[in-house]
Amino acid sequence: MSADIAPARVPSHRASVRRALSGRSLQAPPWVLMYHSVGDCTDDPYQVTVTPDRLDHQLSWLDRRDLTGVSMSELLRARAAGRGHRLVGLTFDDGYTDFLEHAVPLLRRHAHTATVFVLPGRLGGVNAWDVLGPRKPLLTECAIRAVAAAGMEIGSHGLVHQDLTALDDDDALAAEVRGSRDLLHEITGSAPAGFCYPYGKLDARTVDAVRAAGYQYGCAVGPGPLNGPHALPRAYIGERDTAGRLHLKHLLHRLPRRRLSPAAGPVEQVEVPDARDADTAHDAHGEPDRQDSR
């Protein structure tokens, strides 16, 4: 644990999280950004890494718009209380050690928080599921506690990063979903409120398993018809996301789309695609930020 990271108290407030997920405050999905690794992008075949400099500029972009990045639980509590309009969910998948090394200091410098979804079945291991590599070290048990002490939320990404939809055995699915929650409870002293689906893959069975395991929310990518409290959509963020692309993604998020019903059932509206490859499209949607085009 870095010496300049002081312990911070993060309240649980589970009842308010449940109100956020079941009440009218979540009729429109929150804007949630999806990160992975923060480090060197030289060898990045899956485009899951942003450099510390890029993350710094992206957080500055939020700052200039009076937007505050927060953990998922904080975002949902605020929306339940009707005060989440200027909040953005920040999530980091996989639980790489570079989250503690690079992301946490930057988040604290900008007065933001985030949720990191970790793999308690691979403590101190590497991202062996990425066939093309490169190998990146994952958080240890001690490092997970340090991240929590720094004021960040710990969520589950399953045990070992498996495609849950490919698990035919109910016991194997329960181990990934409920077992990972139990292990994180032992590590941090509190059961995680949130789950994130590995590879973004989910179906009705896996969503039901996440709900039954006691999670208050689940993070997906593009959940489609399963859109709801346990399958919240997120926007991919990568090294190519300069100010102009962030501007466009924010605009697209605010357009009408599939909304969340209080009972978690979807109300059909127009689906809005993610803006991953819309580098040149922002002029049609509004003026990009000219203070930082990086």
Protein backbone atom coordinates (compact mmCIF):
# COMPACT_ATOMS: atom_id res chain seq x y z
CA MET A 1 0.00 0.00 0.00
CA SER A 2 1.42 3.39 -0.98
CA ALA A 3 2.33 5.62 1.96
CA ASP A 4 0.43 8.60 0.57
CA ILE A 5 -2.88 6.74 0.36
CA ALA A 6 -4.75 7.46 3.58
CA PRO A 7 -7.55 5.16 4.72
CA ALA A 8 -10.99 6.41 3.81
CA ARG A 9 -14.34 5.36 5.18
CA VAL A 10 -16.94 4.31 2.63
CA PRO A 11 -20.45 3.87 4.07
CA SER A 12 -22.49 0.86 3.05
CA HIS A 13 -26.06 2.26 2.90
CA ARG A 14 -27.42 -0.88 1.25
CA ALA A 15 -31.02 0.16 1.69
CA SER A 16 -30.51 3.31 -0.39
CA VAL A 17 -28.75 1.32 -3.11
CA ARG A 18 -31.77 -0.99 -3.29
CA ARG A 19 -34.07 2.04 -3.49
CA ALA A 20 -31.99 3.42 -6.36
CA LEU A 21 -32.29 0.19 -8.29
CA SER A 22 -35.98 -0.33 -7.70
CA GLY A 23 -37.27 3.23 -7.63
CA ARG A 24 -38.12 5.82 -10.23
CA SER A 25 -34.69 7.46 -9.96
CA LEU A 26 -33.28 4.76 -12.26
CA GLN A 27 -35.84 5.13 -15.03
CA ALA A 28 -33.04 6.37 -17.28
CA PRO A 29 -29.77 4.41 -17.13
CA PRO A 30 -26.89 6.24 -15.47
CA TRP A 31 -23.83 7.12 -17.52
CA VAL A 32 -21.21 4.53 -16.57
CA LEU A 33 -17.72 4.39 -18.08
CA MET A 34 -15.89 1.08 -18.46
CA TYR A 35 -12.12 0.96 -18.07
CA HIS A 36 -9.72 -1.96 -17.65
CA SER A 37 -5.96 -1.44 -17.35
CA VAL A 38 -4.00 1.79 -16.79
CA GLY A 39 -0.43 1.61 -18.05
CA ASP A 40 1.70 1.17 -21.16
CA CYS A 41 -0.35 0.81 -24.37
CA THR A 42 2.53 -0.32 -26.60
CA ASP A 43 1.36 -3.94 -26.61
CA ASP A 44 -2.42 -3.83 -26.28
CA PRO A 45 -4.10 -6.19 -28.79
CA TYR A 46 -7.48 -6.05 -27.03
CA GLN A 47 -7.44 -2.25 -26.61
CA VAL A 48 -8.18 -2.49 -22.89
CA THR A 49 -5.43 -0.13 -21.68
CA VAL A 50 -5.25 3.62 -21.23
CA THR A 51 -2.06 5.39 -20.28
CA PRO A 52 -1.97 7.32 -16.99
CA ASP A 53 -1.66 10.51 -19.05
CA ARG A 54 -4.80 9.68 -21.04
CA LEU A 55 -6.74 8.85 -17.87
CA ASP A 56 -5.58 12.14 -16.36
CA HIS A 57 -6.93 14.04 -19.38
CA GLN A 58 -10.20 12.11 -19.34
CA LEU A 59 -10.74 12.90 -15.65
CA SER A 60 -9.91 16.55 -16.38
CA TRP A 61 -12.58 16.49 -19.10
CA LEU A 62 -15.12 15.43 -16.46
CA ASP A 63 -13.87 18.13 -14.10
CA ARG A 64 -14.33 20.90 -16.66
CA ARG A 65 -17.94 19.86 -17.13
CA ASP A 66 -18.66 19.79 -13.42
CA LEU A 67 -19.08 16.03 -13.62
CA THR A 68 -17.80 13.86 -10.79
CA GLY A 69 -16.73 10.27 -11.24
CA VAL A 70 -17.96 8.01 -8.45
CA SER A 71 -18.29 4.35 -7.57
CA MET A 72 -21.39 2.49 -8.69
CA SER A 73 -22.83 2.26 -5.18
CA GLU A 74 -22.33 5.99 -4.62
CA LEU A 75 -23.92 6.76 -7.97
CA LEU A 76 -26.98 4.63 -7.22
CA ARG A 77 -27.39 6.05 -3.71
CA ALA A 78 -27.25 9.58 -5.09
CA ARG A 79 -29.79 8.85 -7.80
CA ALA A 80 -32.11 7.35 -5.20
CA ALA A 81 -31.92 10.67 -3.34
CA GLY A 82 -32.49 12.70 -6.52
CA ARG A 83 -29.01 14.28 -6.52
CA GLY A 84 -27.07 12.23 -9.05
CA HIS A 85 -27.43 14.47 -12.12
CA ARG A 86 -23.76 15.51 -12.20
CA LEU A 87 -22.35 12.09 -11.32
CA VAL A 88 -20.75 9.54 -13.64
CA GLY A 89 -20.03 5.94 -12.73
CA LEU A 90 -16.38 4.93 -13.15
CA THR A 91 -15.66 1.21 -13.35
CA PHE A 92 -12.42 -0.75 -13.87
CA ASP A 93 -12.67 -4.42 -14.84
CA ASP A 94 -10.32 -7.31 -13.98
CA GLY A 95 -8.51 -5.76 -11.00
CA TYR A 96 -5.02 -5.15 -12.38
CA THR A 97 -2.29 -4.01 -10.00
CA ASP A 98 -1.90 -0.89 -12.12
CA PHE A 99 -5.28 0.26 -10.75
CA LEU A 100 -3.64 0.76 -7.34
CA GLU A 101 -0.38 2.02 -8.83
CA HIS A 102 -1.70 4.48 -11.43
CA ALA A 103 -5.48 4.90 -11.27
CA VAL A 104 -5.98 5.41 -7.53
CA PRO A 105 -3.55 8.36 -7.24
CA LEU A 106 -5.13 10.05 -10.27
CA LEU A 107 -8.67 9.45 -9.02
CA ARG A 108 -7.79 10.92 -5.63
CA ARG A 109 -6.02 13.90 -7.23
CA HIS A 110 -9.21 14.70 -9.16
CA ALA A 111 -11.45 13.95 -6.13
CA HIS A 112 -13.16 11.05 -7.91
CA THR A 113 -13.86 7.50 -6.81
CA ALA A 114 -14.50 4.31 -8.78
CA THR A 115 -15.52 0.67 -8.59
CA VAL A 116 -12.95 -1.99 -9.41
CA PHE A 117 -14.25 -5.46 -10.24
CA VAL A 118 -11.73 -8.05 -9.06
CA LEU A 119 -11.13 -11.80 -9.38
CA PRO A 120 -10.69 -13.43 -5.95
CA GLY A 121 -9.88 -16.74 -7.64
CA ARG A 122 -6.78 -15.24 -9.27
CA LEU A 123 -5.30 -13.23 -6.39
CA GLY A 124 -1.78 -12.15 -7.34
CA GLY A 125 -2.11 -13.98 -10.65
CA VAL A 126 -2.20 -12.73 -14.23
CA ASN A 127 -4.75 -12.26 -17.02
CA ALA A 128 -4.34 -15.78 -18.37
CA TRP A 129 -7.69 -15.53 -20.22
CA ASP A 130 -6.20 -13.05 -22.72
CA VAL A 131 -4.67 -15.45 -25.24
CA LEU A 132 -2.68 -12.74 -27.03
CA GLY A 133 -1.40 -11.20 -23.81
CA PRO A 134 0.47 -9.26 -22.64
CA ARG A 135 0.51 -10.73 -19.15
CA LYS A 136 -0.52 -8.20 -16.52
CA PRO A 137 -0.39 -8.83 -12.75
CA LEU A 138 -3.63 -8.83 -10.78
CA LEU A 139 -4.34 -7.41 -7.34
CA THR A 140 -3.38 -9.45 -4.31
CA GLU A 141 -5.52 -9.81 -1.21
CA CYS A 142 -3.47 -7.09 0.52
CA ALA A 143 -3.74 -4.78 -2.49
CA ILE A 144 -7.53 -5.21 -2.62
CA ARG A 145 -7.69 -4.03 0.99
CA ALA A 146 -5.47 -1.06 0.11
CA VAL A 147 -7.80 -0.12 -2.75
CA ALA A 148 -10.80 -0.28 -0.42
CA ALA A 149 -8.95 1.77 2.22
CA ALA A 150 -8.30 4.43 -0.43
CA GLY A 151 -12.05 4.93 -0.80
CA MET A 152 -12.72 2.79 -3.87
CA GLU A 153 -15.52 0.24 -4.12
CA ILE A 154 -14.66 -3.43 -4.56
CA GLY A 155 -16.98 -5.48 -6.77
CA SER A 156 -16.86 -9.05 -8.05
CA HIS A 157 -15.87 -10.05 -11.58
CA GLY A 158 -16.41 -13.72 -10.79
CA LEU A 159 -13.71 -16.07 -9.57
CA VAL A 160 -11.41 -16.54 -12.56
CA HIS A 161 -12.92 -14.56 -15.50
CA GLN A 162 -15.06 -17.24 -17.12
CA ASP A 163 -17.85 -16.81 -19.64
CA LEU A 164 -20.79 -17.49 -17.31
CA THR A 165 -23.16 -18.24 -20.18
CA ALA A 166 -20.97 -21.25 -21.09
CA LEU A 167 -21.28 -22.84 -17.65
CA ASP A 168 -23.94 -25.53 -17.91
CA ASP A 169 -23.39 -26.76 -14.36
CA ASP A 170 -25.38 -24.80 -11.76
CA ASP A 171 -22.75 -25.44 -9.08
CA ALA A 172 -20.03 -23.96 -11.27
CA LEU A 173 -22.16 -20.89 -11.91
CA ALA A 174 -22.89 -20.52 -8.19
CA ALA A 175 -19.17 -20.77 -7.40
CA GLU A 176 -18.36 -17.96 -9.81
CA VAL A 177 -21.16 -15.69 -8.62
CA ARG A 178 -21.88 -16.50 -4.98
CA GLY A 179 -18.47 -18.00 -4.20
CA SER A 180 -16.61 -14.92 -5.39
CA ARG A 181 -18.88 -12.73 -3.26
CA ASP A 182 -18.17 -14.82 -0.18
CA LEU A 183 -14.40 -14.64 -0.74
CA LEU A 184 -14.47 -10.87 -1.16
CA HIS A 185 -16.54 -10.61 2.01
CA GLU A 186 -13.73 -12.43 3.83
CA ILE A 187 -11.05 -10.19 2.29
CA THR A 188 -12.68 -6.79 2.80
CA GLY A 189 -15.04 -7.43 5.71
CA SER A 190 -18.15 -6.58 3.69
CA ALA A 191 -20.00 -8.36 0.91
CA PRO A 192 -19.69 -6.59 -2.45
CA ALA A 193 -22.81 -4.86 -3.71
CA GLY A 194 -21.96 -5.21 -7.38
CA PHE A 195 -21.08 -7.85 -9.96
CA CYS A 196 -19.58 -7.42 -13.41
CA TYR A 197 -20.10 -10.06 -16.13
CA PRO A 198 -16.80 -11.37 -17.61
CA TYR A 199 -16.49 -10.54 -21.32
CA GLY A 200 -19.80 -8.66 -20.94
CA LYS A 201 -21.58 -11.96 -21.70
CA LEU A 202 -24.87 -12.62 -19.94
CA ASP A 203 -28.22 -14.30 -20.36
CA ALA A 204 -31.38 -14.58 -18.28
CA ARG A 205 -29.93 -17.47 -16.26
CA THR A 206 -26.73 -15.64 -15.29
CA VAL A 207 -28.63 -12.46 -14.41
CA ASP A 208 -30.96 -14.50 -12.19
CA ALA A 209 -27.91 -16.08 -10.51
CA VAL A 210 -26.38 -12.68 -9.79
CA ARG A 211 -29.65 -11.42 -8.34
CA ALA A 212 -30.13 -14.57 -6.23
CA ALA A 213 -26.58 -14.31 -4.84
CA GLY A 214 -27.52 -11.05 -3.12
CA TYR A 215 -25.90 -8.47 -5.37
CA GLN A 216 -27.69 -5.12 -5.49
CA TYR A 217 -26.60 -4.38 -9.07
CA GLY A 218 -24.80 -5.90 -12.04
CA CYS A 219 -22.69 -4.22 -14.72
CA ALA A 220 -22.76 -5.33 -18.34
CA VAL A 221 -21.77 -3.59 -21.58
CA GLY A 222 -24.70 -3.71 -23.99
CA PRO A 223 -27.29 -5.86 -22.16
CA GLY A 224 -30.00 -5.50 -24.80
CA PRO A 225 -33.41 -6.83 -23.68
CA LEU A 226 -31.95 -7.85 -20.29
CA ASN A 227 -31.29 -4.18 -19.49
CA GLY A 228 -32.14 -3.65 -15.81
CA PRO A 229 -30.67 -3.21 -12.32
CA HIS A 230 -28.64 -6.40 -12.63
CA ALA A 231 -27.57 -5.69 -16.22
CA LEU A 232 -26.62 -2.01 -16.37
CA PRO A 233 -25.14 -0.71 -19.64
CA ARG A 234 -21.69 0.88 -19.74
CA ALA A 235 -19.67 2.84 -22.29
CA TYR A 236 -16.28 1.46 -23.32
CA ILE A 237 -13.39 3.89 -22.74
CA GLY A 238 -9.98 3.41 -24.34
CA GLU A 239 -6.76 5.18 -25.23
CA ARG A 240 -8.34 6.64 -28.37
CA ASP A 241 -11.03 8.43 -26.39
CA THR A 242 -9.95 12.04 -26.64
CA ALA A 243 -12.08 14.97 -25.53
CA GLY A 244 -14.03 14.97 -28.81
CA ARG A 245 -14.95 11.30 -28.50
CA LEU A 246 -15.95 11.69 -24.85
CA HIS A 247 -18.13 14.61 -25.89
CA LEU A 248 -19.87 12.46 -28.49
CA LYS A 249 -20.34 9.51 -26.14
CA HIS A 250 -21.91 11.80 -23.57
CA LEU A 251 -24.27 13.20 -26.19
CA LEU A 252 -25.25 9.73 -27.38
CA HIS A 253 -25.94 8.63 -23.83
CA ARG A 254 -28.42 11.48 -23.38
CA LEU A 255 -30.46 10.46 -26.44
CA PRO A 256 -33.61 8.34 -25.92
CA ARG A 257 -32.81 4.67 -25.46
CA ARG A 258 -34.09 1.57 -23.75
CA ARG A 259 -34.98 2.65 -20.21
CA LEU A 260 -35.15 0.77 -16.94
CA SER A 261 -38.57 0.14 -15.46
CA PRO A 262 -39.03 0.21 -11.68
CA ALA A 263 -39.62 -3.55 -11.79
CA ALA A 264 -36.41 -4.06 -13.80
CA GLY A 265 -38.34 -4.89 -16.94
CA PRO A 266 -37.30 -2.98 -20.06
CA VAL A 267 -39.54 -0.41 -21.72
CA GLU A 268 -38.89 -0.47 -25.44
CA GLN A 269 -37.39 2.71 -26.86
CA VAL A 270 -34.72 3.42 -29.44
CA GLU A 271 -31.40 1.70 -28.79
CA VAL A 272 -28.39 4.03 -29.14
CA PRO A 273 -25.11 2.37 -30.18
CA ASP A 274 -21.81 2.97 -28.42
CA ALA A 275 -19.50 5.54 -29.98
CA ARG A 276 -16.28 3.52 -30.03
CA ASP A 277 -15.43 4.29 -33.64
CA ALA A 278 -16.98 7.72 -34.05
CA ASP A 279 -13.79 9.81 -34.13
CA THR A 280 -15.02 12.13 -36.85
CA ALA A 281 -18.73 12.21 -36.06
CA HIS A 282 -18.75 14.69 -33.18
CA ASP A 283 -19.14 17.74 -35.44
CA ALA A 284 -22.63 16.56 -36.35
CA HIS A 285 -23.65 16.32 -32.70
CA GLY A 286 -22.08 19.36 -31.13
CA GLU A 287 -18.83 21.24 -30.70
CA PRO A 288 -16.00 19.20 -29.17
CA ASP A 289 -13.88 20.48 -26.31
CA ARG A 290 -11.14 22.65 -27.78
CA GLN A 291 -9.24 23.02 -24.49
CA ASP A 292 -7.98 19.44 -24.79
CA SER A 293 -8.16 17.58 -28.08
CA ARG A 294 -5.87 14.83 -26.85
